[in-house]
């Protein structure tokens, strides 16, 4: 289903990834603005929102991808929980090529949040 949607509606997928990447870049660059958004959407006070932001910031990558080590840990965890001996290669489960491409395009355009 996922592959079919990506093939048939690739423009929608690209627009979604572009918007998500812009949101990520905004979040990385704008702590105060992001804390305000967290407060509003999570209905928490500023101190709690700031703590959530600071904890989450360490996981925010420049391009929206997840490094190979983190991918492996996640896949190993799922395999262990599900009882799989060998889930197979990472690229069977993870594909950040569109996120990386989008990030590169935004950088080439000098897009700023």
PDB file of N, CA and C in Angstrom:
ATOM      1  N   UNK A   1       0.830  -1.197   0.000  1.00  0.00           N
ATOM      2  CA  UNK A   1       0.000   0.000   0.000  1.00  0.00           C
ATOM      3  C   UNK A   1       0.873   1.259   0.000  1.00  0.00           C
ATOM      4  N   UNK A   2       1.873   1.296   0.871  1.00  0.00           N
ATOM      5  CA  UNK A   2       2.738   2.469   0.975  1.00  0.00           C
ATOM      6  C   UNK A   2       3.461   2.722  -0.341  1.00  0.00           C
ATOM      7  N   UNK A   3       4.042   1.677  -0.909  1.00  0.00           N
ATOM      8  CA  UNK A   3       4.777   1.837  -2.162  1.00  0.00           C
ATOM      9  C   UNK A   3       3.847   2.278  -3.287  1.00  0.00           C
ATOM     10  N   UNK A   4       2.640   1.744  -3.294  1.00  0.00           N
ATOM     11  CA  UNK A   4       1.671   2.125  -4.325  1.00  0.00           C
ATOM     12  C   UNK A   4       1.310   3.607  -4.202  1.00  0.00           C
ATOM     13  N   UNK A   5       1.051   4.053  -2.977  1.00  0.00           N
ATOM     14  CA  UNK A   5       0.721   5.462  -2.756  1.00  0.00           C
ATOM     15  C   UNK A   5       1.880   6.358  -3.182  1.00  0.00           C
ATOM     16  N   UNK A   6       3.099   5.960  -2.856  1.00  0.00           N
ATOM     17  CA  UNK A   6       4.264   6.764  -3.220  1.00  0.00           C
ATOM     18  C   UNK A   6       4.436   6.822  -4.733  1.00  0.00           C
ATOM     19  N   UNK A   7       4.060   5.766  -5.419  1.00  0.00           N
ATOM     20  CA  UNK A   7       4.151   5.762  -6.883  1.00  0.00           C
ATOM     21  C   UNK A   7       3.040   6.582  -7.515  1.00  0.00           C
ATOM     22  N   UNK A   8       1.820   6.398  -7.037  1.00  0.00           N
ATOM     23  CA  UNK A   8       0.677   7.047  -7.671  1.00  0.00           C
ATOM     24  C   UNK A   8       0.497   8.503  -7.250  1.00  0.00           C
ATOM     25  N   UNK A   9       0.923   8.841  -6.053  1.00  0.00           N
ATOM     26  CA  UNK A   9       0.760  10.205  -5.538  1.00  0.00           C
ATOM     27  C   UNK A   9       2.093  10.788  -5.077  1.00  0.00           C
ATOM     28  N   UNK A  10       3.120  10.624  -5.884  1.00  0.00           N
ATOM     29  CA  UNK A  10       4.458  11.050  -5.489  1.00  0.00           C
ATOM     30  C   UNK A  10       4.535  12.552  -5.209  1.00  0.00           C
ATOM     31  N   UNK A  11       3.750  13.356  -5.921  1.00  0.00           N
ATOM     32  CA  UNK A  11       3.775  14.802  -5.672  1.00  0.00           C
ATOM     33  C   UNK A  11       3.227  15.130  -4.288  1.00  0.00           C
ATOM     34  N   UNK A  12       2.187  14.429  -3.863  1.00  0.00           N
ATOM     35  CA  UNK A  12       1.623  14.637  -2.527  1.00  0.00           C
ATOM     36  C   UNK A  12       2.655  14.237  -1.471  1.00  0.00           C
ATOM     37  N   UNK A  13       3.308  13.116  -1.697  1.00  0.00           N
ATOM     38  CA  UNK A  13       4.326  12.643  -0.765  1.00  0.00           C
ATOM     39  C   UNK A  13       5.467  13.658  -0.677  1.00  0.00           C
ATOM     40  N   UNK A  14       5.932  14.149  -1.813  1.00  0.00           N
ATOM     41  CA  UNK A  14       7.020  15.136  -1.808  1.00  0.00           C
ATOM     42  C   UNK A  14       6.602  16.422  -1.097  1.00  0.00           C
ATOM     43  N   UNK A  15       5.378  16.884  -1.325  1.00  0.00           N
ATOM     44  CA  UNK A  15       4.900  18.096  -0.659  1.00  0.00           C
ATOM     45  C   UNK A  15       4.819  17.886   0.851  1.00  0.00           C
ATOM     46  N   UNK A  16       4.371  16.705   1.250  1.00  0.00           N
ATOM     47  CA  UNK A  16       4.291  16.397   2.682  1.00  0.00           C
ATOM     48  C   UNK A  16       5.689  16.388   3.301  1.00  0.00           C
ATOM     49  N   UNK A  17       6.625  15.721   2.653  1.00  0.00           N
ATOM     50  CA  UNK A  17       7.996  15.646   3.171  1.00  0.00           C
ATOM     51  C   UNK A  17       8.628  17.035   3.213  1.00  0.00           C
ATOM     52  N   UNK A  18       8.384  17.857   2.197  1.00  0.00           N
ATOM     53  CA  UNK A  18       8.912  19.229   2.180  1.00  0.00           C
ATOM     54  C   UNK A  18       8.348  20.025   3.363  1.00  0.00           C
ATOM     55  N   UNK A  19       7.058  19.923   3.597  1.00  0.00           N
ATOM     56  CA  UNK A  19       6.444  20.650   4.713  1.00  0.00           C
ATOM     57  C   UNK A  19       6.977  20.143   6.050  1.00  0.00           C
ATOM     58  N   UNK A  20       7.126  18.840   6.186  1.00  0.00           N
ATOM     59  CA  UNK A  20       7.658  18.271   7.422  1.00  0.00           C
ATOM     60  C   UNK A  20       9.106  18.719   7.647  1.00  0.00           C
ATOM     61  N   UNK A  21       9.889  18.766   6.587  1.00  0.00           N
ATOM     62  CA  UNK A  21      11.280  19.210   6.698  1.00  0.00           C
ATOM     63  C   UNK A  21      11.336  20.675   7.103  1.00  0.00           C
ATOM     64  N   UNK A  22      10.475  21.499   6.522  1.00  0.00           N
ATOM     65  CA  UNK A  22      10.434  22.911   6.906  1.00  0.00           C
ATOM     66  C   UNK A  22      10.049  23.045   8.385  1.00  0.00           C
ATOM     67  N   UNK A  23       9.102  22.240   8.829  1.00  0.00           N
ATOM     68  CA  UNK A  23       8.714  22.262  10.239  1.00  0.00           C
ATOM     69  C   UNK A  23       9.869  21.857  11.141  1.00  0.00           C
ATOM     70  N   UNK A  24      10.598  20.851  10.721  1.00  0.00           N
ATOM     71  CA  UNK A  24      11.768  20.409  11.480  1.00  0.00           C
ATOM     72  C   UNK A  24      12.814  21.519  11.556  1.00  0.00           C
ATOM     73  N   UNK A  25      13.103  22.139  10.426  1.00  0.00           N
ATOM     74  CA  UNK A  25      14.098  23.210  10.399  1.00  0.00           C
ATOM     75  C   UNK A  25      13.652  24.394  11.256  1.00  0.00           C
ATOM     76  N   UNK A  26      12.368  24.713  11.199  1.00  0.00           N
ATOM     77  CA  UNK A  26      11.833  25.781  12.053  1.00  0.00           C
ATOM     78  C   UNK A  26      12.049  25.416  13.522  1.00  0.00           C
ATOM     79  N   UNK A  27      11.697  24.188  13.886  1.00  0.00           N
ATOM     80  CA  UNK A  27      11.829  23.751  15.276  1.00  0.00           C
ATOM     81  C   UNK A  27      13.268  23.818  15.761  1.00  0.00           C
ATOM     82  N   UNK A  28      14.187  23.390  14.914  1.00  0.00           N
ATOM     83  CA  UNK A  28      15.611  23.426  15.294  1.00  0.00           C
ATOM     84  C   UNK A  28      16.099  24.849  15.508  1.00  0.00           C
ATOM     85  N   UNK A  29      15.604  25.785  14.686  1.00  0.00           N
ATOM     86  CA  UNK A  29      16.120  27.153  14.697  1.00  0.00           C
ATOM     87  C   UNK A  29      15.359  28.092  15.631  1.00  0.00           C
ATOM     88  N   UNK A  30      14.175  27.708  16.062  1.00  0.00           N
ATOM     89  CA  UNK A  30      13.316  28.640  16.790  1.00  0.00           C
ATOM     90  C   UNK A  30      12.771  27.997  18.065  1.00  0.00           C
ATOM     91  N   UNK A  31      13.601  27.967  19.087  1.00  0.00           N
ATOM     92  CA  UNK A  31      13.209  27.343  20.361  1.00  0.00           C
ATOM     93  C   UNK A  31      11.964  28.004  20.940  1.00  0.00           C
ATOM     94  N   UNK A  32      11.975  29.335  21.037  1.00  0.00           N
ATOM     95  CA  UNK A  32      10.846  30.050  21.640  1.00  0.00           C
ATOM     96  C   UNK A  32       9.541  29.824  20.897  1.00  0.00           C
ATOM     97  N   UNK A  33       9.598  29.918  19.578  1.00  0.00           N
ATOM     98  CA  UNK A  33       8.392  29.694  18.777  1.00  0.00           C
ATOM     99  C   UNK A  33       7.884  28.268  18.886  1.00  0.00           C
ATOM    100  N   UNK A  34       8.803  27.332  18.950  1.00  0.00           N
ATOM    101  CA  UNK A  34       8.414  25.928  19.054  1.00  0.00           C
ATOM    102  C   UNK A  34       7.824  25.635  20.427  1.00  0.00           C
ATOM    103  N   UNK A  35       8.398  26.229  21.469  1.00  0.00           N
ATOM    104  CA  UNK A  35       7.844  26.048  22.812  1.00  0.00           C
ATOM    105  C   UNK A  35       6.416  26.580  22.869  1.00  0.00           C
ATOM    106  N   UNK A  36       6.165  27.719  22.245  1.00  0.00           N
ATOM    107  CA  UNK A  36       4.802  28.269  22.202  1.00  0.00           C
ATOM    108  C   UNK A  36       3.837  27.308  21.496  1.00  0.00           C
ATOM    109  N   UNK A  37       4.301  26.720  20.410  1.00  0.00           N
ATOM    110  CA  UNK A  37       3.470  25.752  19.679  1.00  0.00           C
ATOM    111  C   UNK A  37       3.200  24.525  20.549  1.00  0.00           C
ATOM    112  N   UNK A  38       4.232  24.041  21.235  1.00  0.00           N
ATOM    113  CA  UNK A  38       4.054  22.884  22.119  1.00  0.00           C
ATOM    114  C   UNK A  38       3.061  23.196  23.234  1.00  0.00           C
ATOM    115  N   UNK A  39       3.178  24.384  23.829  1.00  0.00           N
ATOM    116  CA  UNK A  39       2.257  24.780  24.900  1.00  0.00           C
ATOM    117  C   UNK A  39       0.813  24.746  24.409  1.00  0.00           C
ATOM    118  N   UNK A  40       0.596  25.315  23.242  1.00  0.00           N
ATOM    119  CA  UNK A  40      -0.746  25.417  22.685  1.00  0.00           C
ATOM    120  C   UNK A  40      -1.309  24.042  22.317  1.00  0.00           C
ATOM    121  N   UNK A  41      -0.498  23.229  21.639  1.00  0.00           N
ATOM    122  CA  UNK A  41      -1.003  21.949  21.150  1.00  0.00           C
ATOM    123  C   UNK A  41      -1.054  20.857  22.211  1.00  0.00           C
ATOM    124  N   UNK A  42      -0.126  20.883  23.145  1.00  0.00           N
ATOM    125  CA  UNK A  42      -0.107  19.860  24.190  1.00  0.00           C
ATOM    126  C   UNK A  42      -0.827  20.304  25.457  1.00  0.00           C
ATOM    127  N   UNK A  43      -1.200  21.600  25.468  1.00  0.00           N
ATOM    128  CA  UNK A  43      -1.886  22.180  26.616  1.00  0.00           C
ATOM    129  C   UNK A  43      -1.069  21.982  27.904  1.00  0.00           C
ATOM    130  N   UNK A  44       0.190  22.404  27.813  1.00  0.00           N
ATOM    131  CA  UNK A  44       1.095  22.329  28.962  1.00  0.00           C
ATOM    132  C   UNK A  44       1.653  23.715  29.247  1.00  0.00           C
ATOM    133  N   UNK A  45       2.237  23.874  30.444  1.00  0.00           N
ATOM    134  CA  UNK A  45       2.827  25.167  30.795  1.00  0.00           C
ATOM    135  C   UNK A  45       4.174  25.338  30.102  1.00  0.00           C
ATOM    136  N   UNK A  46       4.707  26.549  30.179  1.00  0.00           N
ATOM    137  CA  UNK A  46       5.943  26.873  29.465  1.00  0.00           C
ATOM    138  C   UNK A  46       7.129  26.021  29.937  1.00  0.00           C
ATOM    139  N   UNK A  47       7.224  25.806  31.242  1.00  0.00           N
ATOM    140  CA  UNK A  47       8.336  25.016  31.773  1.00  0.00           C
ATOM    141  C   UNK A  47       8.316  23.586  31.218  1.00  0.00           C
ATOM    142  N   UNK A  48       7.134  22.994  31.181  1.00  0.00           N
ATOM    143  CA  UNK A  48       6.992  21.630  30.654  1.00  0.00           C
ATOM    144  C   UNK A  48       7.295  21.603  29.165  1.00  0.00           C
ATOM    145  N   UNK A  49       6.769  22.578  28.430  1.00  0.00           N
ATOM    146  CA  UNK A  49       7.016  22.640  26.985  1.00  0.00           C
ATOM    147  C   UNK A  49       8.510  22.803  26.701  1.00  0.00           C
ATOM    148  N   UNK A  50       9.182  23.624  27.502  1.00  0.00           N
ATOM    149  CA  UNK A  50      10.620  23.827  27.316  1.00  0.00           C
ATOM    150  C   UNK A  50      11.381  22.534  27.571  1.00  0.00           C
ATOM    151  N   UNK A  51      10.974  21.808  28.580  1.00  0.00           N
ATOM    152  CA  UNK A  51      11.633  20.531  28.882  1.00  0.00           C
ATOM    153  C   UNK A  51      11.416  19.534  27.737  1.00  0.00           C
ATOM    154  N   UNK A  52      10.198  19.474  27.211  1.00  0.00           N
ATOM    155  CA  UNK A  52       9.888  18.598  26.076  1.00  0.00           C
ATOM    156  C   UNK A  52      10.748  18.984  24.873  1.00  0.00           C
ATOM    157  N   UNK A  53      10.831  20.282  24.609  1.00  0.00           N
ATOM    158  CA  UNK A  53      11.638  20.756  23.484  1.00  0.00           C
ATOM    159  C   UNK A  53      13.101  20.351  23.659  1.00  0.00           C
ATOM    160  N   UNK A  54      13.644  20.618  24.830  1.00  0.00           N
ATOM    161  CA  UNK A  54      15.063  20.355  25.066  1.00  0.00           C
ATOM    162  C   UNK A  54      15.388  18.865  24.972  1.00  0.00           C
ATOM    163  N   UNK A  55      14.499  18.021  25.432  1.00  0.00           N
ATOM    164  CA  UNK A  55      14.698  16.570  25.317  1.00  0.00           C
ATOM    165  C   UNK A  55      14.621  16.149  23.851  1.00  0.00           C
ATOM    166  N   UNK A  56      13.644  16.678  23.128  1.00  0.00           N
ATOM    167  CA  UNK A  56      13.455  16.310  21.726  1.00  0.00           C
ATOM    168  C   UNK A  56      14.493  16.886  20.784  1.00  0.00           C
ATOM    169  N   UNK A  57      15.067  18.022  21.140  1.00  0.00           N
ATOM    170  CA  UNK A  57      16.017  18.705  20.247  1.00  0.00           C
ATOM    171  C   UNK A  57      17.208  17.828  19.891  1.00  0.00           C
ATOM    172  N   UNK A  58      17.663  17.019  20.815  1.00  0.00           N
ATOM    173  CA  UNK A  58      18.835  16.181  20.544  1.00  0.00           C
ATOM    174  C   UNK A  58      18.568  15.166  19.431  1.00  0.00           C
ATOM    175  N   UNK A  59      17.302  14.851  19.204  1.00  0.00           N
ATOM    176  CA  UNK A  59      16.953  13.879  18.156  1.00  0.00           C
ATOM    177  C   UNK A  59      16.667  14.546  16.810  1.00  0.00           C
ATOM    178  N   UNK A  60      16.628  15.874  16.778  1.00  0.00           N
ATOM    179  CA  UNK A  60      16.309  16.585  15.539  1.00  0.00           C
ATOM    180  C   UNK A  60      17.530  16.629  14.628  1.00  0.00           C
ATOM    181  N   UNK A  61      17.473  15.918  13.544  1.00  0.00           N
ATOM    182  CA  UNK A  61      18.577  15.923  12.595  1.00  0.00           C
ATOM    183  C   UNK A  61      18.407  17.077  11.615  1.00  0.00           C
ATOM    184  N   UNK A  62      19.439  17.365  10.865  1.00  0.00           N
ATOM    185  CA  UNK A  62      19.408  18.462   9.907  1.00  0.00           C
ATOM    186  C   UNK A  62      18.469  18.160   8.747  1.00  0.00           C
ATOM    187  N   UNK A  63      18.384  16.903   8.353  1.00  0.00           N
ATOM    188  CA  UNK A  63      17.606  16.555   7.160  1.00  0.00           C
ATOM    189  C   UNK A  63      16.395  15.659   7.425  1.00  0.00           C
ATOM    190  N   UNK A  64      16.094  15.372   8.682  1.00  0.00           N
ATOM    191  CA  UNK A  64      14.932  14.553   8.984  1.00  0.00           C
ATOM    192  C   UNK A  64      15.210  13.059   8.951  1.00  0.00           C
ATOM    193  N   UNK A  65      16.441  12.691   8.700  1.00  0.00           N
ATOM    194  CA  UNK A  65      16.770  11.265   8.661  1.00  0.00           C
ATOM    195  C   UNK A  65      17.135  10.775  10.059  1.00  0.00           C
ATOM    196  N   UNK A  66      17.342   9.486  10.163  1.00  0.00           N
ATOM    197  CA  UNK A  66      17.785   8.858  11.402  1.00  0.00           C
ATOM    198  C   UNK A  66      19.071   8.119  11.074  1.00  0.00           C
ATOM    199  N   UNK A  67      20.108   8.308  11.897  1.00  0.00           N
ATOM    200  CA  UNK A  67      21.387   7.680  11.569  1.00  0.00           C
ATOM    201  C   UNK A  67      21.286   6.151  11.627  1.00  0.00           C
ATOM    202  N   UNK A  68      22.234   5.510  10.982  1.00  0.00           N
ATOM    203  CA  UNK A  68      22.199   4.060  10.827  1.00  0.00           C
ATOM    204  C   UNK A  68      22.221   3.332  12.171  1.00  0.00           C
ATOM    205  N   UNK A  69      22.960   3.866  13.118  1.00  0.00           N
ATOM    206  CA  UNK A  69      23.031   3.242  14.441  1.00  0.00           C
ATOM    207  C   UNK A  69      21.654   3.237  15.119  1.00  0.00           C
ATOM    208  N   UNK A  70      20.952   4.352  15.056  1.00  0.00           N
ATOM    209  CA  UNK A  70      19.613   4.439  15.650  1.00  0.00           C
ATOM    210  C   UNK A  70      18.620   3.544  14.898  1.00  0.00           C
ATOM    211  N   UNK A  71      18.755   3.478  13.577  1.00  0.00           N
ATOM    212  CA  UNK A  71      17.893   2.585  12.794  1.00  0.00           C
ATOM    213  C   UNK A  71      18.097   1.138  13.242  1.00  0.00           C
ATOM    214  N   UNK A  72      19.347   0.760  13.402  1.00  0.00           N
ATOM    215  CA  UNK A  72      19.670  -0.616  13.795  1.00  0.00           C
ATOM    216  C   UNK A  72      19.114  -0.918  15.180  1.00  0.00           C
ATOM    217  N   UNK A  73      19.286   0.004  16.117  1.00  0.00           N
ATOM    218  CA  UNK A  73      18.752  -0.213  17.474  1.00  0.00           C
ATOM    219  C   UNK A  73      17.230  -0.370  17.436  1.00  0.00           C
ATOM    220  N   UNK A  74      16.559   0.469  16.657  1.00  0.00           N
ATOM    221  CA  UNK A  74      15.093   0.384  16.559  1.00  0.00           C
ATOM    222  C   UNK A  74      14.669  -0.940  15.951  1.00  0.00           C
ATOM    223  N   UNK A  75      15.332  -1.335  14.882  1.00  0.00           N
ATOM    224  CA  UNK A  75      14.983  -2.583  14.207  1.00  0.00           C
ATOM    225  C   UNK A  75      15.292  -3.785  15.095  1.00  0.00           C
ATOM    226  N   UNK A  76      16.415  -3.748  15.802  1.00  0.00           N
ATOM    227  CA  UNK A  76      16.753  -4.841  16.717  1.00  0.00           C
ATOM    228  C   UNK A  76      15.709  -4.971  17.823  1.00  0.00           C
ATOM    229  N   UNK A  77      15.241  -3.830  18.331  1.00  0.00           N
ATOM    230  CA  UNK A  77      14.209  -3.846  19.375  1.00  0.00           C
ATOM    231  C   UNK A  77      12.923  -4.480  18.856  1.00  0.00           C
ATOM    232  N   UNK A  78      12.482  -4.042  17.691  1.00  0.00           N
ATOM    233  CA  UNK A  78      11.244  -4.587  17.111  1.00  0.00           C
ATOM    234  C   UNK A  78      11.400  -6.080  16.831  1.00  0.00           C
ATOM    235  N   UNK A  79      12.549  -6.464  16.303  1.00  0.00           N
ATOM    236  CA  UNK A  79      12.793  -7.879  16.006  1.00  0.00           C
ATOM    237  C   UNK A  79      12.751  -8.706  17.287  1.00  0.00           C
ATOM    238  N   UNK A  80      13.351  -8.187  18.348  1.00  0.00           N
ATOM    239  CA  UNK A  80      13.357  -8.908  19.621  1.00  0.00           C
ATOM    240  C   UNK A  80      11.939  -9.044  20.171  1.00  0.00           C
ATOM    241  N   UNK A  81      11.181  -7.950  20.148  1.00  0.00           N
ATOM    242  CA  UNK A  81       9.806  -7.965  20.666  1.00  0.00           C
ATOM    243  C   UNK A  81       8.923  -8.906  19.835  1.00  0.00           C
ATOM    244  N   UNK A  82       9.130  -8.911  18.529  1.00  0.00           N
ATOM    245  CA  UNK A  82       8.312  -9.727  17.632  1.00  0.00           C
ATOM    246  C   UNK A  82       8.832 -11.154  17.480  1.00  0.00           C
ATOM    247  N   UNK A  83      10.012 -11.419  18.005  1.00  0.00           N
ATOM    248  CA  UNK A  83      10.563 -12.759  17.941  1.00  0.00           C
ATOM    249  C   UNK A  83      11.228 -13.105  16.616  1.00  0.00           C
ATOM    250  N   UNK A  84      11.655 -12.098  15.852  1.00  0.00           N
ATOM    251  CA  UNK A  84      12.364 -12.351  14.594  1.00  0.00           C
ATOM    252  C   UNK A  84      13.839 -12.579  14.889  1.00  0.00           C
ATOM    253  N   UNK A  85      14.415 -13.556  14.225  1.00  0.00           N
ATOM    254  CA  UNK A  85      15.859 -13.788  14.404  1.00  0.00           C
ATOM    255  C   UNK A  85      16.662 -12.793  13.577  1.00  0.00           C
ATOM    256  N   UNK A  86      16.286 -12.621  12.331  1.00  0.00           N
ATOM    257  CA  UNK A  86      17.001 -11.698  11.446  1.00  0.00           C
ATOM    258  C   UNK A  86      15.982 -10.949  10.601  1.00  0.00           C
ATOM    259  N   UNK A  87      15.718  -9.679  10.931  1.00  0.00           N
ATOM    260  CA  UNK A  87      14.709  -8.925  10.180  1.00  0.00           C
ATOM    261  C   UNK A  87      15.150  -8.544   8.772  1.00  0.00           C
ATOM    262  N   UNK A  88      16.436  -8.652   8.481  1.00  0.00           N
ATOM    263  CA  UNK A  88      16.931  -8.293   7.160  1.00  0.00           C
ATOM    264  C   UNK A  88      17.635  -6.954   7.162  1.00  0.00           C
ATOM    265  N   UNK A  89      17.954  -6.457   5.981  1.00  0.00           N
ATOM    266  CA  UNK A  89      18.719  -5.207   5.879  1.00  0.00           C
ATOM    267  C   UNK A  89      17.883  -3.983   6.283  1.00  0.00           C
ATOM    268  N   UNK A  90      18.586  -2.967   6.761  1.00  0.00           N
ATOM    269  CA  UNK A  90      17.922  -1.735   7.197  1.00  0.00           C
ATOM    270  C   UNK A  90      17.093  -1.106   6.088  1.00  0.00           C
ATOM    271  N   UNK A  91      17.604  -1.141   4.847  1.00  0.00           N
ATOM    272  CA  UNK A  91      16.890  -0.466   3.761  1.00  0.00           C
ATOM    273  C   UNK A  91      15.568  -1.137   3.399  1.00  0.00           C
ATOM    274  N   UNK A  92      15.333  -2.293   3.975  1.00  0.00           N
ATOM    275  CA  UNK A  92      14.027  -2.944   3.813  1.00  0.00           C
ATOM    276  C   UNK A  92      12.966  -2.198   4.638  1.00  0.00           C
ATOM    277  N   UNK A  93      13.416  -1.500   5.682  1.00  0.00           N
ATOM    278  CA  UNK A  93      12.505  -0.828   6.606  1.00  0.00           C
ATOM    279  C   UNK A  93      12.627   0.692   6.601  1.00  0.00           C
ATOM    280  N   UNK A  94      13.792   1.203   6.258  1.00  0.00           N
ATOM    281  CA  UNK A  94      14.043   2.643   6.324  1.00  0.00           C
ATOM    282  C   UNK A  94      14.486   3.175   4.967  1.00  0.00           C
ATOM    283  N   UNK A  95      13.881   4.302   4.581  1.00  0.00           N
ATOM    284  CA  UNK A  95      14.297   4.969   3.345  1.00  0.00           C
ATOM    285  C   UNK A  95      14.154   6.475   3.553  1.00  0.00           C
ATOM    286  N   UNK A  96      15.268   7.118   3.770  1.00  0.00           N
ATOM    287  CA  UNK A  96      15.275   8.555   4.002  1.00  0.00           C
ATOM    288  C   UNK A  96      15.723   9.333   2.776  1.00  0.00           C
ATOM    289  N   UNK A  97      15.731   8.691   1.625  1.00  0.00           N
ATOM    290  CA  UNK A  97      16.236   9.352   0.416  1.00  0.00           C
ATOM    291  C   UNK A  97      15.427  10.602   0.066  1.00  0.00           C
ATOM    292  N   UNK A  98      14.128  10.552   0.201  1.00  0.00           N
ATOM    293  CA  UNK A  98      13.306  11.718  -0.123  1.00  0.00           C
ATOM    294  C   UNK A  98      13.534  12.841   0.889  1.00  0.00           C
ATOM    295  N   UNK A  99      13.696  12.502   2.147  1.00  0.00           N
ATOM    296  CA  UNK A  99      13.975  13.522   3.163  1.00  0.00           C
ATOM    297  C   UNK A  99      15.318  14.187   2.876  1.00  0.00           C
ATOM    298  N   UNK A 100      16.311  13.399   2.533  1.00  0.00           N
ATOM    299  CA  UNK A 100      17.635  13.962   2.227  1.00  0.00           C
ATOM    300  C   UNK A 100      17.582  14.836   0.976  1.00  0.00           C
ATOM    301  N   UNK A 101      16.869  14.367  -0.046  1.00  0.00           N
ATOM    302  CA  UNK A 101      16.739  15.133  -1.288  1.00  0.00           C
ATOM    303  C   UNK A 101      16.054  16.473  -1.011  1.00  0.00           C
ATOM    304  N   UNK A 102      14.970  16.433  -0.252  1.00  0.00           N
ATOM    305  CA  UNK A 102      14.230  17.645   0.073  1.00  0.00           C
ATOM    306  C   UNK A 102      15.098  18.617   0.860  1.00  0.00           C
ATOM    307  N   UNK A 103      15.831  18.097   1.822  1.00  0.00           N
ATOM    308  CA  UNK A 103      16.719  18.933   2.618  1.00  0.00           C
ATOM    309  C   UNK A 103      17.780  19.596   1.739  1.00  0.00           C
ATOM    310  N   UNK A 104      18.357  18.833   0.839  1.00  0.00           N
ATOM    311  CA  UNK A 104      19.359  19.383  -0.082  1.00  0.00           C
ATOM    312  C   UNK A 104      18.763  20.480  -0.962  1.00  0.00           C
ATOM    313  N   UNK A 105      17.534  20.269  -1.437  1.00  0.00           N
ATOM    314  CA  UNK A 105      16.869  21.285  -2.268  1.00  0.00           C
ATOM    315  C   UNK A 105      16.632  22.570  -1.479  1.00  0.00           C
ATOM    316  N   UNK A 106      16.176  22.432  -0.242  1.00  0.00           N
ATOM    317  CA  UNK A 106      15.930  23.614   0.589  1.00  0.00           C
ATOM    318  C   UNK A 106      17.233  24.355   0.876  1.00  0.00           C
ATOM    319  N   UNK A 107      18.307  23.625   1.113  1.00  0.00           N
ATOM    320  CA  UNK A 107      19.613  24.260   1.316  1.00  0.00           C
ATOM    321  C   UNK A 107      20.067  24.978   0.049  1.00  0.00           C
ATOM    322  N   UNK A 108      19.885  24.347  -1.088  1.00  0.00           N
ATOM    323  CA  UNK A 108      20.300  24.955  -2.368  1.00  0.00           C
ATOM    324  C   UNK A 108      19.517  26.247  -2.630  1.00  0.00           C
ATOM    325  N   UNK A 109      18.264  26.292  -2.142  1.00  0.00           N
ATOM    326  CA  UNK A 109      17.424  27.485  -2.297  1.00  0.00           C
ATOM    327  C   UNK A 109      17.673  28.499  -1.196  1.00  0.00           C
ATOM    328  N   UNK A 110      18.575  28.175  -0.262  1.00  0.00           N
ATOM    329  CA  UNK A 110      18.871  29.010   0.901  1.00  0.00           C
ATOM    330  C   UNK A 110      17.614  29.301   1.709  1.00  0.00           C
ATOM    331  N   UNK A 111      16.718  28.302   1.817  1.00  0.00           N
ATOM    332  CA  UNK A 111      15.479  28.461   2.574  1.00  0.00           C
ATOM    333  C   UNK A 111      15.808  28.616   4.045  1.00  0.00           C
ATOM    334  N   UNK A 112      15.163  29.570   4.672  1.00  0.00           N
ATOM    335  CA  UNK A 112      15.343  29.811   6.101  1.00  0.00           C
ATOM    336  C   UNK A 112      13.981  29.800   6.781  1.00  0.00           C
ATOM    337  N   UNK A 113      13.931  29.206   7.966  1.00  0.00           N
ATOM    338  CA  UNK A 113      12.649  29.183   8.715  1.00  0.00           C
ATOM    339  C   UNK A 113      12.273  30.560   9.236  1.00  0.00           C
TER     340      UNK A 113
END
